[in-house]
Amino acid sequence: MPRDKITMQPMNVIKGQKEFTVKFTPKRFTNLIKPNGFLDDHPACHALYFYAQLAHENWIKEKNYPVLEGETDPVYNYHQLFKSIAKMYGVEPEEMVNYWDNIDYQMIVDNEPTLPNEEKYRWDRKPMIRSN
């Protein structure tokens, strides 16, 4: 899989200190785009796949690792992770939710369990359209 690219470039000098901008190139799963896999070429689909991978790791940790005496139970904020990844990929969270089927199919092909069908893990609210 291609690695994420982070580059830092100096912007200007202020009182002997340099400011940097950080440019982040999010991961694209080009080897899983149709017809080789189930992902669409849209960045929202790749963002959701990336979220599903991270959320799956956290879900496994929650499920399998006991909390020892004196330790605090780890709390994962899946909704915030979802929104952060959307921002990182430059898409709206509402765009990502359209690709859950693609992600589930890809996870099955990868022989990985899909995320539980609970709102905690699958933030899939679509915008409500009201007509009055």
Foldseek 3Di string as FASTA:
>chain_A
DDDKDWDWDWDDDDPNDTDIDIDIDDDDPVCQDPPNHLAHRDLLSRLLLVLQVVLLVVVCCLPPPDADPPGDRDDDQSVVSLCVSCVSSVHGSLVNLVNLVRNCRRCVVVVHHGDDPDCSNRVRDHDDDDDD
